[in-house]
C-alpha atoms as a PDB file:
ATOM      1  CA  UNK A   1      -1.748  19.972 -50.741  1.00  0.00           C
ATOM      2  CA  UNK A   2       0.368  18.677 -53.930  1.00  0.00           C
ATOM      3  CA  UNK A   3      -1.212  15.242 -53.493  1.00  0.00           C
ATOM      4  CA  UNK A   4      -4.764  16.819 -53.763  1.00  0.00           C
ATOM      5  CA  UNK A   5      -3.913  19.522 -56.267  1.00  0.00           C
ATOM      6  CA  UNK A   6      -2.278  16.527 -58.854  1.00  0.00           C
ATOM      7  CA  UNK A   7      -5.013  14.379 -58.325  1.00  0.00           C
ATOM      8  CA  UNK A   8      -7.917  13.914 -61.182  1.00  0.00           C
ATOM      9  CA  UNK A   9     -10.893  15.187 -58.561  1.00  0.00           C
ATOM     10  CA  UNK A  10     -11.434  14.706 -54.218  1.00  0.00           C
ATOM     11  CA  UNK A  11     -14.904  12.570 -53.777  1.00  0.00           C
ATOM     12  CA  UNK A  12     -16.731  16.152 -53.048  1.00  0.00           C
ATOM     13  CA  UNK A  13     -16.005  17.533 -56.258  1.00  0.00           C
ATOM     14  CA  UNK A  14     -17.287  14.500 -57.857  1.00  0.00           C
ATOM     15  CA  UNK A  15     -20.371  14.262 -56.219  1.00  0.00           C
ATOM     16  CA  UNK A  16     -20.783  18.150 -57.048  1.00  0.00           C
ATOM     17  CA  UNK A  17     -19.673  17.506 -60.701  1.00  0.00           C
ATOM     18  CA  UNK A  18     -22.388  14.503 -60.691  1.00  0.00           C
ATOM     19  CA  UNK A  19     -25.395  17.202 -59.510  1.00  0.00           C
ATOM     20  CA  UNK A  20     -24.618  19.497 -62.552  1.00  0.00           C
ATOM     21  CA  UNK A  21     -23.889  16.922 -65.212  1.00  0.00           C
ATOM     22  CA  UNK A  22     -27.365  17.490 -66.592  1.00  0.00           C
ATOM     23  CA  UNK A  23     -26.424  21.127 -66.849  1.00  0.00           C
ATOM     24  CA  UNK A  24     -25.233  23.403 -69.165  1.00  0.00           C
ATOM     25  CA  UNK A  25     -23.224  26.479 -69.159  1.00  0.00           C
ATOM     26  CA  UNK A  26     -25.636  29.612 -69.629  1.00  0.00           C
ATOM     27  CA  UNK A  27     -26.196  30.139 -73.489  1.00  0.00           C
ATOM     28  CA  UNK A  28     -25.172  34.122 -72.444  1.00  0.00           C
ATOM     29  CA  UNK A  29     -21.978  33.161 -71.586  1.00  0.00           C
ATOM     30  CA  UNK A  30     -19.276  35.085 -73.811  1.00  0.00           C
ATOM     31  CA  UNK A  31     -22.535  36.345 -76.003  1.00  0.00           C
ATOM     32  CA  UNK A  32     -20.599  39.586 -76.451  1.00  0.00           C
ATOM     33  CA  UNK A  33     -16.805  38.712 -76.689  1.00  0.00           C
ATOM     34  CA  UNK A  34     -17.050  35.418 -78.210  1.00  0.00           C
ATOM     35  CA  UNK A  35     -19.455  36.664 -81.355  1.00  0.00           C
ATOM     36  CA  UNK A  36     -17.414  37.792 -84.302  1.00  0.00           C
ATOM     37  CA  UNK A  37     -17.949  41.856 -84.090  1.00  0.00           C
ATOM     38  CA  UNK A  38     -16.228  41.971 -80.813  1.00  0.00           C
ATOM     39  CA  UNK A  39     -12.698  40.876 -82.009  1.00  0.00           C
ATOM     40  CA  UNK A  40     -13.152  42.982 -85.069  1.00  0.00           C
ATOM     41  CA  UNK A  41     -14.092  46.161 -83.018  1.00  0.00           C
ATOM     42  CA  UNK A  42     -11.572  45.733 -80.464  1.00  0.00           C
ATOM     43  CA  UNK A  43      -8.785  45.567 -82.801  1.00  0.00           C
ATOM     44  CA  UNK A  44      -9.752  48.392 -84.543  1.00  0.00           C
ATOM     45  CA  UNK A  45     -10.176  50.519 -81.031  1.00  0.00           C
ATOM     46  CA  UNK A  46      -6.374  49.014 -80.417  1.00  0.00           C
ATOM     47  CA  UNK A  47      -5.035  49.882 -83.860  1.00  0.00           C
ATOM     48  CA  UNK A  48      -6.668  53.232 -83.708  1.00  0.00           C
ATOM     49  CA  UNK A  49      -4.877  53.452 -79.712  1.00  0.00           C
ATOM     50  CA  UNK A  50      -1.297  53.178 -81.712  1.00  0.00           C
ATOM     51  CA  UNK A  51      -1.711  55.191 -84.229  1.00  0.00           C
ATOM     52  CA  UNK A  52      -2.508  58.246 -82.027  1.00  0.00           C
ATOM     53  CA  UNK A  53      -0.089  57.292 -80.102  1.00  0.00           C
ATOM     54  CA  UNK A  54       2.587  56.825 -82.991  1.00  0.00           C
ATOM     55  CA  UNK A  55       1.463  59.891 -84.618  1.00  0.00           C
ATOM     56  CA  UNK A  56       2.095  62.228 -81.766  1.00  0.00           C
ATOM     57  CA  UNK A  57       5.500  60.637 -81.071  1.00  0.00           C
ATOM     58  CA  UNK A  58       6.672  61.371 -84.414  1.00  0.00           C
ATOM     59  CA  UNK A  59       5.444  64.496 -84.125  1.00  0.00           C
ATOM     60  CA  UNK A  60       7.750  65.274 -80.913  1.00  0.00           C
ATOM     61  CA  UNK A  61      10.781  64.029 -82.348  1.00  0.00           C
ATOM     62  CA  UNK A  62      10.614  66.157 -85.636  1.00  0.00           C
ATOM     63  CA  UNK A  63      10.000  69.054 -82.898  1.00  0.00           C
ATOM     64  CA  UNK A  64      13.274  67.787 -81.974  1.00  0.00           C
ATOM     65  CA  UNK A  65      11.876  66.747 -78.518  1.00  0.00           C
ATOM     66  CA  UNK A  66      13.405  63.921 -77.026  1.00  0.00           C
ATOM     67  CA  UNK A  67      10.950  63.122 -74.481  1.00  0.00           C
ATOM     68  CA  UNK A  68      10.040  59.579 -75.494  1.00  0.00           C
ATOM     69  CA  UNK A  69      12.692  56.985 -75.852  1.00  0.00           C
ATOM     70  CA  UNK A  70      12.140  53.980 -78.802  1.00  0.00           C
ATOM     71  CA  UNK A  71      11.655  51.675 -76.033  1.00  0.00           C
ATOM     72  CA  UNK A  72       8.934  53.297 -74.040  1.00  0.00           C
ATOM     73  CA  UNK A  73       7.086  53.295 -77.789  1.00  0.00           C
ATOM     74  CA  UNK A  74       7.619  49.767 -77.669  1.00  0.00           C
ATOM     75  CA  UNK A  75       6.369  49.839 -73.902  1.00  0.00           C
ATOM     76  CA  UNK A  76       3.287  51.080 -74.984  1.00  0.00           C
ATOM     77  CA  UNK A  77       2.489  48.875 -77.685  1.00  0.00           C
ATOM     78  CA  UNK A  78       3.157  45.488 -76.222  1.00  0.00           C
ATOM     79  CA  UNK A  79       0.877  46.973 -73.094  1.00  0.00           C
ATOM     80  CA  UNK A  80      -1.615  47.391 -76.374  1.00  0.00           C
ATOM     81  CA  UNK A  81      -0.992  43.708 -77.619  1.00  0.00           C
ATOM     82  CA  UNK A  82      -1.603  42.314 -74.158  1.00  0.00           C
ATOM     83  CA  UNK A  83      -4.460  43.872 -74.079  1.00  0.00           C
ATOM     84  CA  UNK A  84      -5.859  42.193 -76.981  1.00  0.00           C
ATOM     85  CA  UNK A  85      -4.301  39.283 -76.189  1.00  0.00           C
ATOM     86  CA  UNK A  86      -6.379  38.833 -72.873  1.00  0.00           C
ATOM     87  CA  UNK A  87      -9.907  40.034 -74.074  1.00  0.00           C
ATOM     88  CA  UNK A  88      -9.758  39.371 -77.929  1.00  0.00           C
ATOM     89  CA  UNK A  89      -7.701  36.653 -78.790  1.00  0.00           C
ATOM     90  CA  UNK A  90      -9.100  32.654 -78.871  1.00  0.00           C
ATOM     91  CA  UNK A  91      -7.506  32.394 -75.607  1.00  0.00           C
ATOM     92  CA  UNK A  92     -10.486  34.659 -74.121  1.00  0.00           C
ATOM     93  CA  UNK A  93     -12.968  32.016 -75.527  1.00  0.00           C
ATOM     94  CA  UNK A  94     -11.521  29.217 -73.056  1.00  0.00           C
ATOM     95  CA  UNK A  95     -11.787  31.698 -69.598  1.00  0.00           C
ATOM     96  CA  UNK A  96     -15.312  29.876 -69.137  1.00  0.00           C
ATOM     97  CA  UNK A  97     -13.919  26.781 -68.922  1.00  0.00           C
ATOM     98  CA  UNK A  98     -10.290  27.048 -67.216  1.00  0.00           C
ATOM     99  CA  UNK A  99     -10.132  29.079 -64.337  1.00  0.00           C
ATOM    100  CA  UNK A 100      -6.692  29.151 -64.608  1.00  0.00           C
ATOM    101  CA  UNK A 101      -7.152  30.914 -67.889  1.00  0.00           C
ATOM    102  CA  UNK A 102      -9.817  33.436 -66.565  1.00  0.00           C
ATOM    103  CA  UNK A 103      -6.929  34.162 -63.896  1.00  0.00           C
ATOM    104  CA  UNK A 104      -4.574  35.145 -66.935  1.00  0.00           C
ATOM    105  CA  UNK A 105      -7.007  37.119 -68.012  1.00  0.00           C
ATOM    106  CA  UNK A 106      -6.884  38.873 -65.280  1.00  0.00           C
ATOM    107  CA  UNK A 107      -3.195  39.500 -64.667  1.00  0.00           C
ATOM    108  CA  UNK A 108      -2.739  40.226 -68.556  1.00  0.00           C
ATOM    109  CA  UNK A 109      -4.743  43.159 -68.051  1.00  0.00           C
ATOM    110  CA  UNK A 110      -3.996  44.511 -64.399  1.00  0.00           C
ATOM    111  CA  UNK A 111      -0.505  43.463 -63.520  1.00  0.00           C
ATOM    112  CA  UNK A 112       1.282  43.118 -67.317  1.00  0.00           C
ATOM    113  CA  UNK A 113      -0.909  45.877 -69.483  1.00  0.00           C
ATOM    114  CA  UNK A 114      -1.140  48.942 -66.700  1.00  0.00           C
ATOM    115  CA  UNK A 115       2.134  49.140 -65.965  1.00  0.00           C
ATOM    116  CA  UNK A 116       4.031  48.834 -69.723  1.00  0.00           C
ATOM    117  CA  UNK A 117       0.973  51.406 -71.089  1.00  0.00           C
ATOM    118  CA  UNK A 118       1.785  53.538 -68.432  1.00  0.00           C
ATOM    119  CA  UNK A 119       5.386  53.792 -69.221  1.00  0.00           C
ATOM    120  CA  UNK A 120       4.923  54.574 -72.552  1.00  0.00           C
ATOM    121  CA  UNK A 121       4.187  57.711 -71.160  1.00  0.00           C
ATOM    122  CA  UNK A 122       1.081  58.137 -73.022  1.00  0.00           C
ATOM    123  CA  UNK A 123      -0.538  61.272 -72.851  1.00  0.00           C
ATOM    124  CA  UNK A 124       1.395  63.462 -74.159  1.00  0.00           C
ATOM    125  CA  UNK A 125       1.947  61.532 -77.415  1.00  0.00           C
ATOM    126  CA  UNK A 126      -2.008  61.182 -77.417  1.00  0.00           C
ATOM    127  CA  UNK A 127      -2.272  64.949 -77.359  1.00  0.00           C
ATOM    128  CA  UNK A 128       0.202  65.384 -79.889  1.00  0.00           C
ATOM    129  CA  UNK A 129      -1.447  62.661 -82.212  1.00  0.00           C
ATOM    130  CA  UNK A 130      -5.234  64.585 -81.767  1.00  0.00           C
ATOM    131  CA  UNK A 131      -5.948  66.776 -84.079  1.00  0.00           C
ATOM    132  CA  UNK A 132      -5.167  69.994 -83.705  1.00  0.00           C
ATOM    133  CA  UNK A 133      -8.030  71.818 -83.439  1.00  0.00           C
ATOM    134  CA  UNK A 134     -10.028  69.306 -81.556  1.00  0.00           C
ATOM    135  CA  UNK A 135      -7.048  69.187 -78.701  1.00  0.00           C
ATOM    136  CA  UNK A 136      -7.225  73.294 -78.622  1.00  0.00           C
ATOM    137  CA  UNK A 137     -10.754  73.415 -78.365  1.00  0.00           C
ATOM    138  CA  UNK A 138     -12.505  70.584 -76.631  1.00  0.00           C
ATOM    139  CA  UNK A 139      -8.835  68.361 -74.652  1.00  0.00           C
ATOM    140  CA  UNK A 140      -7.566  72.280 -73.662  1.00  0.00           C
ATOM    141  CA  UNK A 141     -10.131  73.864 -72.321  1.00  0.00           C
ATOM    142  CA  UNK A 142     -11.232  70.386 -70.356  1.00  0.00           C
ATOM    143  CA  UNK A 143      -7.661  69.643 -68.855  1.00  0.00           C
ATOM    144  CA  UNK A 144      -7.342  73.377 -67.478  1.00  0.00           C
ATOM    145  CA  UNK A 145     -10.876  72.869 -66.005  1.00  0.00           C
ATOM    146  CA  UNK A 146     -10.591  73.468 -61.861  1.00  0.00           C
ATOM    147  CA  UNK A 147     -12.584  70.733 -61.215  1.00  0.00           C
ATOM    148  CA  UNK A 148     -11.361  67.754 -63.677  1.00  0.00           C
ATOM    149  CA  UNK A 149      -7.818  68.916 -62.264  1.00  0.00           C
ATOM    150  CA  UNK A 150      -8.758  68.286 -58.812  1.00  0.00           C
ATOM    151  CA  UNK A 151     -10.427  65.019 -59.701  1.00  0.00           C
ATOM    152  CA  UNK A 152      -7.156  63.953 -61.670  1.00  0.00           C
ATOM    153  CA  UNK A 153      -5.448  64.377 -58.368  1.00  0.00           C
ATOM    154  CA  UNK A 154      -7.980  62.360 -56.122  1.00  0.00           C
ATOM    155  CA  UNK A 155      -7.496  59.412 -59.096  1.00  0.00           C
ATOM    156  CA  UNK A 156      -3.453  59.017 -58.568  1.00  0.00           C
ATOM    157  CA  UNK A 157      -3.510  59.306 -55.105  1.00  0.00           C
ATOM    158  CA  UNK A 158      -1.981  56.234 -54.067  1.00  0.00           C
ATOM    159  CA  UNK A 159      -4.563  55.463 -50.943  1.00  0.00           C
ATOM    160  CA  UNK A 160      -7.642  55.875 -53.551  1.00  0.00           C
ATOM    161  CA  UNK A 161      -5.359  54.002 -56.527  1.00  0.00           C
ATOM    162  CA  UNK A 162      -5.245  50.413 -53.571  1.00  0.00           C
ATOM    163  CA  UNK A 163      -8.510  50.789 -52.291  1.00  0.00           C
ATOM    164  CA  UNK A 164      -9.628  51.058 -56.279  1.00  0.00           C
ATOM    165  CA  UNK A 165      -7.313  48.014 -56.801  1.00  0.00           C
ATOM    166  CA  UNK A 166      -8.286  46.109 -53.727  1.00  0.00           C
ATOM    167  CA  UNK A 167     -12.342  46.679 -54.440  1.00  0.00           C
ATOM    168  CA  UNK A 168     -12.434  45.079 -57.895  1.00  0.00           C
ATOM    169  CA  UNK A 169      -9.811  42.146 -56.591  1.00  0.00           C
ATOM    170  CA  UNK A 170     -11.727  40.827 -54.381  1.00  0.00           C
ATOM    171  CA  UNK A 171     -15.119  41.802 -55.565  1.00  0.00           C
ATOM    172  CA  UNK A 172     -14.880  40.476 -58.636  1.00  0.00           C
ATOM    173  CA  UNK A 173     -13.259  36.841 -57.191  1.00  0.00           C
ATOM    174  CA  UNK A 174     -16.612  36.826 -54.301  1.00  0.00           C
ATOM    175  CA  UNK A 175     -18.423  33.671 -55.437  1.00  0.00           C
ATOM    176  CA  UNK A 176     -21.953  34.884 -57.011  1.00  0.00           C
ATOM    177  CA  UNK A 177     -20.211  37.863 -58.948  1.00  0.00           C
ATOM    178  CA  UNK A 178     -17.994  35.653 -60.598  1.00  0.00           C
ATOM    179  CA  UNK A 179     -20.341  33.328 -61.515  1.00  0.00           C
ATOM    180  CA  UNK A 180     -22.732  36.318 -62.733  1.00  0.00           C
ATOM    181  CA  UNK A 181     -19.674  37.547 -64.477  1.00  0.00           C
ATOM    182  CA  UNK A 182     -18.973  34.374 -66.611  1.00  0.00           C
ATOM    183  CA  UNK A 183     -22.657  33.726 -67.419  1.00  0.00           C
ATOM    184  CA  UNK A 184     -23.226  37.456 -68.830  1.00  0.00           C
ATOM    185  CA  UNK A 185     -21.506  38.717 -71.842  1.00  0.00           C
ATOM    186  CA  UNK A 186     -22.019  42.037 -71.170  1.00  0.00           C
ATOM    187  CA  UNK A 187     -20.925  41.781 -67.502  1.00  0.00           C
ATOM    188  CA  UNK A 188     -17.937  40.082 -68.077  1.00  0.00           C
ATOM    189  CA  UNK A 189     -16.810  43.310 -70.572  1.00  0.00           C
ATOM    190  CA  UNK A 190     -17.315  45.303 -67.787  1.00  0.00           C
ATOM    191  CA  UNK A 191     -15.437  42.823 -65.434  1.00  0.00           C
ATOM    192  CA  UNK A 192     -12.443  43.141 -68.346  1.00  0.00           C
ATOM    193  CA  UNK A 193     -12.843  46.818 -68.232  1.00  0.00           C
ATOM    194  CA  UNK A 194     -12.474  47.571 -64.361  1.00  0.00           C
ATOM    195  CA  UNK A 195      -9.779  45.663 -64.220  1.00  0.00           C
ATOM    196  CA  UNK A 196      -7.631  47.304 -67.174  1.00  0.00           C
ATOM    197  CA  UNK A 197      -9.224  50.593 -65.112  1.00  0.00           C
ATOM    198  CA  UNK A 198      -7.946  49.206 -61.772  1.00  0.00           C
ATOM    199  CA  UNK A 199      -4.714  48.801 -63.100  1.00  0.00           C
ATOM    200  CA  UNK A 200      -3.804  51.983 -64.624  1.00  0.00           C
ATOM    201  CA  UNK A 201      -4.936  53.559 -61.163  1.00  0.00           C
ATOM    202  CA  UNK A 202      -2.985  51.398 -59.212  1.00  0.00           C
ATOM    203  CA  UNK A 203       0.181  51.270 -61.331  1.00  0.00           C
ATOM    204  CA  UNK A 204       0.151  55.344 -61.763  1.00  0.00           C
ATOM    205  CA  UNK A 205       1.622  56.137 -58.473  1.00  0.00           C
ATOM    206  CA  UNK A 206       4.106  53.737 -59.051  1.00  0.00           C
ATOM    207  CA  UNK A 207       5.339  54.514 -63.026  1.00  0.00           C
ATOM    208  CA  UNK A 208       4.401  58.356 -62.276  1.00  0.00           C
ATOM    209  CA  UNK A 209       4.084  59.389 -66.120  1.00  0.00           C
ATOM    210  CA  UNK A 210       3.929  62.410 -67.037  1.00  0.00           C
ATOM    211  CA  UNK A 211       1.774  65.066 -65.935  1.00  0.00           C
ATOM    212  CA  UNK A 212       1.893  62.914 -62.574  1.00  0.00           C
ATOM    213  CA  UNK A 213       3.171  65.790 -59.798  1.00  0.00           C
ATOM    214  CA  UNK A 214       4.055  63.716 -56.973  1.00  0.00           C
ATOM    215  CA  UNK A 215       2.615  64.402 -53.431  1.00  0.00           C
ATOM    216  CA  UNK A 216       4.271  61.882 -51.210  1.00  0.00           C
ATOM    217  CA  UNK A 217       7.618  60.377 -50.711  1.00  0.00           C
ATOM    218  CA  UNK A 218       9.114  57.738 -53.422  1.00  0.00           C
ATOM    219  CA  UNK A 219       9.841  55.401 -50.095  1.00  0.00           C
ATOM    220  CA  UNK A 220       6.305  55.349 -49.151  1.00  0.00           C
ATOM    221  CA  UNK A 221       6.014  53.516 -52.772  1.00  0.00           C
ATOM    222  CA  UNK A 222       7.372  50.692 -50.792  1.00  0.00           C
ATOM    223  CA  UNK A 223       4.853  50.454 -48.449  1.00  0.00           C
ATOM    224  CA  UNK A 224       2.306  51.156 -51.483  1.00  0.00           C
ATOM    225  CA  UNK A 225       3.831  47.786 -53.007  1.00  0.00           C
ATOM    226  CA  UNK A 226       3.813  45.354 -49.839  1.00  0.00           C
ATOM    227  CA  UNK A 227       0.283  46.569 -49.042  1.00  0.00           C
ATOM    228  CA  UNK A 228      -0.970  45.856 -52.245  1.00  0.00           C
ATOM    229  CA  UNK A 229       0.331  42.257 -52.051  1.00  0.00           C
ATOM    230  CA  UNK A 230      -1.551  41.229 -49.250  1.00  0.00           C
ATOM    231  CA  UNK A 231      -4.982  41.149 -50.666  1.00  0.00           C
ATOM    232  CA  UNK A 232      -3.674  39.066 -53.603  1.00  0.00           C
ATOM    233  CA  UNK A 233      -1.615  36.541 -51.721  1.00  0.00           C
ATOM    234  CA  UNK A 234      -4.954  36.229 -49.468  1.00  0.00           C
ATOM    235  CA  UNK A 235      -7.304  35.291 -52.015  1.00  0.00           C
ATOM    236  CA  UNK A 236      -4.024  32.883 -53.850  1.00  0.00           C
ATOM    237  CA  UNK A 237      -3.729  31.025 -50.583  1.00  0.00           C
ATOM    238  CA  UNK A 238      -7.491  30.714 -50.308  1.00  0.00           C
ATOM    239  CA  UNK A 239      -7.447  28.944 -54.007  1.00  0.00           C
ATOM    240  CA  UNK A 240      -4.566  27.478 -53.450  1.00  0.00           C
ATOM    241  CA  UNK A 241      -5.079  25.243 -49.955  1.00  0.00           C
ATOM    242  CA  UNK A 242      -8.738  25.083 -50.568  1.00  0.00           C
ATOM    243  CA  UNK A 243     -10.159  21.476 -50.509  1.00  0.00           C
ATOM    244  CA  UNK A 244     -13.537  22.480 -51.876  1.00  0.00           C
ATOM    245  CA  UNK A 245     -14.370  24.612 -55.244  1.00  0.00           C
ATOM    246  CA  UNK A 246     -14.535  28.221 -54.920  1.00  0.00           C
ATOM    247  CA  UNK A 247     -16.661  28.589 -58.287  1.00  0.00           C
ATOM    248  CA  UNK A 248     -19.104  25.667 -59.030  1.00  0.00           C
ATOM    249  CA  UNK A 249     -20.082  26.941 -61.997  1.00  0.00           C
ATOM    250  CA  UNK A 250     -16.918  24.964 -63.864  1.00  0.00           C
ATOM    251  CA  UNK A 251     -18.355  21.874 -62.785  1.00  0.00           C
ATOM    252  CA  UNK A 252     -21.181  22.344 -65.528  1.00  0.00           C
ATOM    253  CA  UNK A 253     -18.559  24.026 -68.447  1.00  0.00           C
ATOM    254  CA  UNK A 254     -17.671  21.561 -71.694  1.00  0.00           C
ATOM    255  CA  UNK A 255     -14.021  21.244 -70.233  1.00  0.00           C
ATOM    256  CA  UNK A 256     -11.313  21.213 -72.462  1.00  0.00           C
ATOM    257  CA  UNK A 257      -8.779  20.638 -69.300  1.00  0.00           C
ATOM    258  CA  UNK A 258      -7.122  17.614 -68.319  1.00  0.00           C
ATOM    259  CA  UNK A 259      -7.241  19.410 -64.677  1.00  0.00           C
ATOM    260  CA  UNK A 260     -10.176  18.715 -62.729  1.00  0.00           C
ATOM    261  CA  UNK A 261     -11.894  21.550 -61.368  1.00  0.00           C
ATOM    262  CA  UNK A 262      -9.837  22.228 -58.054  1.00  0.00           C
ATOM    263  CA  UNK A 263      -6.880  21.249 -59.221  1.00  0.00           C
ATOM    264  CA  UNK A 264      -7.917  24.167 -62.032  1.00  0.00           C
ATOM    265  CA  UNK A 265      -8.819  26.177 -59.099  1.00  0.00           C
ATOM    266  CA  UNK A 266      -5.388  25.604 -57.142  1.00  0.00           C
ATOM    267  CA  UNK A 267      -3.273  26.380 -60.170  1.00  0.00           C
ATOM    268  CA  UNK A 268      -4.887  29.318 -60.846  1.00  0.00           C
ATOM    269  CA  UNK A 269      -4.039  30.849 -57.261  1.00  0.00           C
ATOM    270  CA  UNK A 270      -0.312  29.331 -57.594  1.00  0.00           C
ATOM    271  CA  UNK A 271      -0.152  31.586 -61.147  1.00  0.00           C
ATOM    272  CA  UNK A 272      -1.898  34.468 -59.150  1.00  0.00           C
ATOM    273  CA  UNK A 273       0.996  34.117 -56.074  1.00  0.00           C
ATOM    274  CA  UNK A 274       4.126  33.794 -58.274  1.00  0.00           C
ATOM    275  CA  UNK A 275       3.258  36.657 -60.896  1.00  0.00           C
ATOM    276  CA  UNK A 276       2.246  39.194 -58.510  1.00  0.00           C
ATOM    277  CA  UNK A 277       5.184  38.837 -56.006  1.00  0.00           C
ATOM    278  CA  UNK A 278       7.715  38.471 -59.079  1.00  0.00           C
ATOM    279  CA  UNK A 279       6.214  41.709 -60.880  1.00  0.00           C
ATOM    280  CA  UNK A 280       5.889  43.860 -57.818  1.00  0.00           C
ATOM    281  CA  UNK A 281       8.932  43.132 -56.572  1.00  0.00           C
ATOM    282  CA  UNK A 282      11.264  44.338 -59.743  1.00  0.00           C
ATOM    283  CA  UNK A 283      10.008  48.113 -59.163  1.00  0.00           C
ATOM    284  CA  UNK A 284      10.216  47.907 -55.531  1.00  0.00           C
ATOM    285  CA  UNK A 285      14.071  46.887 -56.132  1.00  0.00           C
ATOM    286  CA  UNK A 286      14.490  49.181 -59.269  1.00  0.00           C
ATOM    287  CA  UNK A 287      13.050  51.952 -56.615  1.00  0.00           C
ATOM    288  CA  UNK A 288      15.292  50.633 -53.532  1.00  0.00           C
ATOM    289  CA  UNK A 289      18.636  50.850 -55.898  1.00  0.00           C
ATOM    290  CA  UNK A 290      17.638  55.031 -56.656  1.00  0.00           C
ATOM    291  CA  UNK A 291      16.826  55.473 -53.433  1.00  0.00           C
ATOM    292  CA  UNK A 292      19.956  54.239 -51.684  1.00  0.00           C
ATOM    293  CA  UNK A 293      22.282  55.790 -54.663  1.00  0.00           C
ATOM    294  CA  UNK A 294      23.252  59.099 -55.234  1.00  0.00           C
ATOM    295  CA  UNK A 295      20.556  61.982 -56.061  1.00  0.00           C
ATOM    296  CA  UNK A 296      19.239  61.896 -59.687  1.00  0.00           C
ATOM    297  CA  UNK A 297      17.066  64.783 -60.348  1.00  0.00           C
ATOM    298  CA  UNK A 298      14.748  64.042 -63.161  1.00  0.00           C
ATOM    299  CA  UNK A 299      15.894  65.611 -66.490  1.00  0.00           C
ATOM    300  CA  UNK A 300      13.128  64.966 -68.692  1.00  0.00           C
ATOM    301  CA  UNK A 301      11.606  67.404 -70.703  1.00  0.00           C
ATOM    302  CA  UNK A 302       8.365  69.010 -69.561  1.00  0.00           C
ATOM    303  CA  UNK A 303       9.062  66.746 -66.344  1.00  0.00           C
ATOM    304  CA  UNK A 304       7.867  69.922 -64.201  1.00  0.00           C
ATOM    305  CA  UNK A 305       5.597  71.435 -65.972  1.00  0.00           C
ATOM    306  CA  UNK A 306       1.881  72.152 -63.969  1.00  0.00           C
ATOM    307  CA  UNK A 307      -0.062  68.702 -63.235  1.00  0.00           C
ATOM    308  CA  UNK A 308      -2.449  68.234 -65.979  1.00  0.00           C
ATOM    309  CA  UNK A 309      -1.287  70.212 -68.184  1.00  0.00           C
ATOM    310  CA  UNK A 310      -1.941  70.152 -72.227  1.00  0.00           C
ATOM    311  CA  UNK A 311       0.953  70.117 -74.871  1.00  0.00           C
ATOM    312  CA  UNK A 312      -1.221  70.842 -78.261  1.00  0.00           C
ATOM    313  CA  UNK A 313       1.131  70.753 -82.183  1.00  0.00           C
ATOM    314  CA  UNK A 314       1.706  74.483 -83.647  1.00  0.00           C
ATOM    315  CA  UNK A 315       1.581  75.315 -87.055  1.00  0.00           C
ATOM    316  CA  UNK A 316       5.283  75.397 -86.912  1.00  0.00           C
ATOM    317  CA  UNK A 317       6.487  71.696 -86.612  1.00  0.00           C
ATOM    318  CA  UNK A 318       9.242  73.050 -84.787  1.00  0.00           C
ATOM    319  CA  UNK A 319       7.383  74.443 -81.842  1.00  0.00           C
ATOM    320  CA  UNK A 320       5.583  72.356 -79.035  1.00  0.00           C
ATOM    321  CA  UNK A 321       3.421  74.521 -76.894  1.00  0.00           C
ATOM    322  CA  UNK A 322       2.770  73.642 -73.143  1.00  0.00           C
ATOM    323  CA  UNK A 323      -0.861  75.103 -72.146  1.00  0.00           C
END
């Protein structure tokens, strides 16, 4: 395997490359993300998100509500930055040429950005950051709607979150679907959006940000994380140990890499294997330490509020009301 990983190309790979030498990458590759308007639009959207979050956080601090420490704000901001790095930075222009870069995008969105955003406890700052009238007239009734509450509880159940994350991970790595996303700007953006949403759903039961109301014992999250590594291990092992190229579309790409297509595939699989193992081990170790240690009841403000409540600013900045 190591010899195959570092060689320039296998005979089968050279033959496939010869068959594709007169082909060029579809002109639709990255038609959306590669155009000038997309990075600008994404940057504006992320800056607006950051503004609303910081506005709400500052309102909470002015009301003497020590709900969110500064490190959580930094975590949220870093999560937004990683989204931009994965989708809007120059890195995004290389994913149709190098599979390893494509894998880095997936890892940034699903494995790193999603938990960092949830560690920022984004719900409360956003509700505080929204215009007061909009929060009271639209968001409050929507969150109190019984159907919305039932839907919210279903979406953050570990079983549902695990199934969604697994389906997104495996589905987008099916060669035919992978090629479709790589050759269509619209499908590529949809792929990236589903990775981020699936990541947020997957990490929600682990991080359990407010207004989460956990119904399962915390030890079950250890099993949840272990089971989540299985589809990742199977997929990454296939990419690492396979002697054939899983995504021949990369043969027709104008490559800017010294790696052969097969070696690039093996590097992408190894990167996925390593990152998933380390990242999932961190919360498992933290949770195990807490479970084995003395009881430490959660004392954060509003932690026991009912599921999907809403915090809205009042005319008196020293007051915060939970509706």
